């Protein structure tokens, strides 16, 4: 008789709680332990790290997390699947291999490549792929500059708009507005900064 596959996730972003992987692995029955480390900000951090050192480009924090659980996961048959490889999955696989050897362990390690299209852009355009911008419809061949990393390829900014980001004077809250309308202006853009964007991770 078959049973459901039990999957537990231990990370939602690069810099998530260090103990989460161990807590998930030791918290009960588990078949697969997953982790998500990538976001637009993370990709930029990893890209900058790789410009300084081509051996980098992955979420290095995963190595410390794996060290806490890799032995017990092997003993219990728990498979570990994550995207911490970022821009250099082969580099992370090599580091995990070294970690396992240091611990006297011999796990099977696999990684996936092929999603970085930057080296293939000229060939793709020559083959007739327009790679148009989703917002502007502009083909990549007409862009002012070529993307330098997958992050830019995923989300190249649209052309500057002539509209002002500042709301019209008539829609801005007046000085005699009620306290509620002052605290929650209906049209004024938010000035709050994302807490994630303020973190400075060592990639």
Protein backbone atom coordinates (compact mmCIF):
# COMPACT_ATOMS: atom_id res chain seq x y z
CA UNK A 1 0.00 0.00 0.00
CA UNK A 2 1.38 3.41 -0.97
CA UNK A 3 1.57 6.35 1.42
CA UNK A 4 1.95 10.11 0.94
CA UNK A 5 5.45 11.51 0.48
CA UNK A 6 6.29 13.72 3.47
CA UNK A 7 8.04 16.95 2.40
CA UNK A 8 9.34 19.55 4.83
CA UNK A 9 10.68 22.98 3.81
CA UNK A 10 13.40 24.61 5.90
CA UNK A 11 14.13 27.90 4.12
CA UNK A 12 12.21 30.69 2.44
CA UNK A 13 15.11 33.01 1.55
CA UNK A 14 18.89 33.39 1.76
CA UNK A 15 19.57 34.23 5.41
CA UNK A 16 16.60 32.34 6.88
CA UNK A 17 16.99 30.74 10.34
CA UNK A 18 20.16 28.65 10.55
CA UNK A 19 18.58 26.03 12.84
CA UNK A 20 15.48 25.50 10.68
CA UNK A 21 16.97 22.65 8.62
CA UNK A 22 17.97 20.70 11.74
CA UNK A 23 14.62 21.36 13.42
CA UNK A 24 12.75 20.13 10.35
CA UNK A 25 14.94 17.04 9.96
CA UNK A 26 14.58 16.08 13.63
CA UNK A 27 10.98 17.19 14.11
CA UNK A 28 9.25 14.03 12.90
CA UNK A 29 8.81 11.65 9.97
CA UNK A 30 10.20 13.08 6.74
CA UNK A 31 11.01 11.87 3.21
CA UNK A 32 12.27 15.02 1.49
CA UNK A 33 13.86 18.12 3.04
CA UNK A 34 13.62 21.18 0.78
CA UNK A 35 14.91 24.74 0.92
CA UNK A 36 14.33 27.89 -1.14
CA UNK A 37 17.21 30.38 -1.09
CA UNK A 38 16.66 32.52 -4.21
CA UNK A 39 14.97 35.85 -4.85
CA UNK A 40 15.82 38.84 -7.04
CA UNK A 41 17.94 40.41 -4.27
CA UNK A 42 19.71 37.10 -3.64
CA UNK A 43 20.56 36.69 -7.32
CA UNK A 44 22.16 40.13 -7.30
CA UNK A 45 24.17 39.28 -4.17
CA UNK A 46 25.36 36.00 -5.70
CA UNK A 47 26.23 37.68 -9.02
CA UNK A 48 28.34 40.33 -7.28
CA UNK A 49 30.13 37.64 -5.27
CA UNK A 50 30.94 35.71 -8.43
CA UNK A 51 32.39 38.79 -10.13
CA UNK A 52 35.00 38.82 -7.35
CA UNK A 53 35.52 35.04 -7.24
CA UNK A 54 34.27 32.70 -9.98
CA UNK A 55 34.16 29.80 -7.52
CA UNK A 56 31.35 31.55 -5.60
CA UNK A 57 27.79 32.36 -6.69
CA UNK A 58 25.91 30.01 -4.35
CA UNK A 59 24.28 30.48 -0.94
CA UNK A 60 27.16 29.61 1.36
CA UNK A 61 24.98 29.49 4.47
CA UNK A 62 23.56 26.14 3.31
CA UNK A 63 26.88 24.43 4.06
CA UNK A 64 26.61 25.15 7.78
CA UNK A 65 23.00 23.97 7.77
CA UNK A 66 23.86 20.75 5.93
CA UNK A 67 26.67 19.98 8.34
CA UNK A 68 24.09 19.73 11.11
CA UNK A 69 21.81 17.24 9.31
CA UNK A 70 23.56 15.44 6.46
CA UNK A 71 24.54 12.44 8.62
CA UNK A 72 21.12 11.93 10.15
CA UNK A 73 19.42 12.42 6.77
CA UNK A 74 21.59 9.66 5.27
CA UNK A 75 20.79 7.35 8.18
CA UNK A 76 17.04 7.96 7.83
CA UNK A 77 16.90 8.01 4.02
CA UNK A 78 15.82 11.65 3.83
CA UNK A 79 16.55 13.30 0.48
CA UNK A 80 17.64 16.94 0.44
CA UNK A 81 16.53 19.17 -2.45
CA UNK A 82 17.16 22.91 -2.68
CA UNK A 83 18.15 25.73 -5.03
CA UNK A 84 21.05 27.09 -2.96
CA UNK A 85 23.35 26.54 -5.94
CA UNK A 86 22.12 29.84 -7.35
CA UNK A 87 24.44 30.94 -10.17
CA UNK A 88 26.98 28.18 -9.52
CA UNK A 89 25.31 24.84 -8.69
CA UNK A 90 28.44 22.91 -9.70
CA UNK A 91 30.50 24.96 -7.25
CA UNK A 92 28.10 24.22 -4.41
CA UNK A 93 28.04 20.50 -5.28
CA UNK A 94 31.84 20.48 -5.01
CA UNK A 95 31.71 22.14 -1.60
CA UNK A 96 29.08 19.68 -0.35
CA UNK A 97 31.28 16.81 -1.54
CA UNK A 98 34.19 18.21 0.46
CA UNK A 99 31.95 18.66 3.50
CA UNK A 100 30.75 15.07 3.29
CA UNK A 101 34.30 13.75 2.92
CA UNK A 102 35.40 15.70 5.98
CA UNK A 103 32.55 14.11 7.93
CA UNK A 104 33.36 10.65 6.60
CA UNK A 105 30.10 10.45 4.64
CA UNK A 106 29.38 9.40 1.07
CA UNK A 107 26.07 10.85 -0.17
CA UNK A 108 24.95 10.91 -3.80
CA UNK A 109 25.09 14.53 -4.96
CA UNK A 110 23.44 15.85 -8.12
CA UNK A 111 22.88 19.30 -9.59
CA UNK A 112 21.07 20.82 -12.58
CA UNK A 113 22.47 23.35 -15.05
CA UNK A 114 21.26 24.96 -18.26
CA UNK A 115 19.08 27.87 -17.13
CA UNK A 116 21.76 30.57 -17.60
CA UNK A 117 21.16 31.88 -21.13
CA UNK A 118 23.64 34.77 -20.99
CA UNK A 119 26.41 32.93 -22.94
CA UNK A 120 23.85 31.87 -25.59
CA UNK A 121 22.14 35.21 -26.26
CA UNK A 122 23.80 35.88 -29.63
CA UNK A 123 23.02 32.36 -30.86
CA UNK A 124 19.40 32.60 -29.70
CA UNK A 125 18.87 35.97 -31.41
CA UNK A 126 20.52 34.68 -34.61
CA UNK A 127 18.15 31.69 -34.52
CA UNK A 128 15.17 34.04 -34.59
CA UNK A 129 14.26 34.25 -30.90
CA UNK A 130 13.25 37.85 -30.24
CA UNK A 131 13.39 37.61 -26.41
CA UNK A 132 10.93 40.50 -26.14
CA UNK A 133 10.43 42.50 -22.97
CA UNK A 134 7.16 41.43 -21.33
CA UNK A 135 6.16 45.02 -20.48
CA UNK A 136 7.37 47.05 -23.47
CA UNK A 137 7.39 44.44 -26.24
CA UNK A 138 10.89 45.59 -27.22
CA UNK A 139 13.14 42.81 -28.58
CA UNK A 140 16.43 42.27 -26.79
CA UNK A 141 18.35 43.11 -29.97
CA UNK A 142 17.00 46.69 -29.76
CA UNK A 143 17.94 47.19 -26.13
CA UNK A 144 20.55 49.81 -25.26
CA UNK A 145 22.68 47.24 -23.44
CA UNK A 146 22.89 43.49 -23.02
CA UNK A 147 22.11 41.87 -19.66
CA UNK A 148 25.15 40.79 -17.67
CA UNK A 149 23.47 38.33 -15.32
CA UNK A 150 20.30 36.16 -15.30
CA UNK A 151 18.59 38.66 -12.97
CA UNK A 152 18.73 41.36 -15.67
CA UNK A 153 17.50 38.91 -18.29
CA UNK A 154 14.48 38.02 -16.14
CA UNK A 155 13.45 41.59 -15.40
CA UNK A 156 14.96 44.30 -17.57
CA UNK A 157 13.43 47.67 -16.64
CA UNK A 158 10.88 49.24 -19.00
CA UNK A 159 11.57 52.51 -20.74
CA UNK A 160 11.32 55.57 -18.45
CA UNK A 161 7.83 56.97 -18.21
CA UNK A 162 7.07 60.66 -18.63
CA UNK A 163 4.41 60.46 -15.92
CA UNK A 164 5.34 61.86 -12.54
CA UNK A 165 5.39 59.42 -9.64
CA UNK A 166 4.16 62.22 -7.35
CA UNK A 167 0.35 62.22 -7.01
CA UNK A 168 -1.57 65.29 -8.22
CA UNK A 169 -2.00 68.08 -5.71
CA UNK A 170 -5.75 67.52 -5.58
CA UNK A 171 -5.30 63.91 -4.46
CA UNK A 172 -2.71 64.57 -1.75
CA UNK A 173 -4.05 64.79 1.81
CA UNK A 174 -4.59 68.36 2.93
CA UNK A 175 -3.41 69.85 6.20
CA UNK A 176 -6.94 69.67 7.65
CA UNK A 177 -7.40 65.98 6.83
CA UNK A 178 -8.57 63.65 9.54
CA UNK A 179 -5.92 61.73 11.56
CA UNK A 180 -6.86 58.55 9.71
CA UNK A 181 -6.35 60.07 6.28
CA UNK A 182 -2.99 61.49 7.39
CA UNK A 183 -1.82 58.11 8.64
CA UNK A 184 -3.11 56.23 5.61
CA UNK A 185 -2.99 58.53 2.55
CA UNK A 186 -4.91 56.80 -0.22
CA UNK A 187 -2.63 57.81 -3.07
CA UNK A 188 0.79 58.67 -1.64
CA UNK A 189 3.44 56.07 -2.50
CA UNK A 190 4.84 54.02 0.36
CA UNK A 191 8.26 55.00 1.67
CA UNK A 192 8.74 51.85 3.71
CA UNK A 193 11.80 49.86 2.76
CA UNK A 194 11.80 46.07 2.68
CA UNK A 195 13.61 44.59 5.67
CA UNK A 196 15.07 41.94 3.37
CA UNK A 197 16.63 44.58 1.17
CA UNK A 198 18.42 46.13 4.17
CA UNK A 199 20.25 42.89 5.03
CA UNK A 200 23.83 42.58 3.89
CA UNK A 201 24.56 38.89 3.42
CA UNK A 202 28.08 37.63 2.82
CA UNK A 203 27.60 35.63 -0.35
